[in-house]
Amino acid sequence: MGILVETGESRLNVGGVTTVVSAQFTRPADTTAYTANDVVSDSTVIGHPLVFQNCVRFQGGTGVIYSALMFASTDATVNPNFDLVLFDTSAITMAADNAAGTVTDTEAYNIVAIVTFDGTNAANVSTVGANLVIGATAIGQAFKCGSNLRDLYGMVIDRGGYTPASAEIFRFKLAITQD
């Protein structure tokens, strides 16, 4: 019985390999409050999914998201409560910023994880800038990438009627154990 080492791997790993992937966007230059279940994205015309590159070691691979952070460029009076919905395909219908989500039933089947960022768990970690960091809750979500993909694609959904800052920047980091 032989040992199969994936193409591009130079060593045999027993167990997982950890990676940290990130993605970010700048929302539109307005301060229009969201309604619960609105998409938070980069455009008022049509949003673009966040791309978390190389989440797994090979195409169609698997992993487990074991921690996640959301960074906001503004420390708002009322912190955001967002869900980061992760898909195994880029073929998703993205609504414009501040519009209700339009994910179809078929697209919903491609959801591999939902990471919740609860604003009540936020921390302003600087007295110099108006930044905000929120650690995710309910982590430990296993996923499998699409058969020809190593990436995950994200859509941010507001859960509480957040009032944003103009051109606010949101960054997300996912720590993943790759199988």
Foldseek 3Di string as FASTA:
>chain_A
DDDDDDPPDPDDDDFWDKDKWKWKEWDAQDFDWADAQFWTAHFQAFHFWTKGAQLADAAQFKKFFAWKKKKKQAQDPQFFKKKKWKFLDRPFGTHGGRHHDDGDPVRVVRTQDIWIFDRVQKDDPDPPGRMIMTITPDGGGMGTHHRHGRMMIIIMGTHHGDGDHGRMMMMMMTMITYD
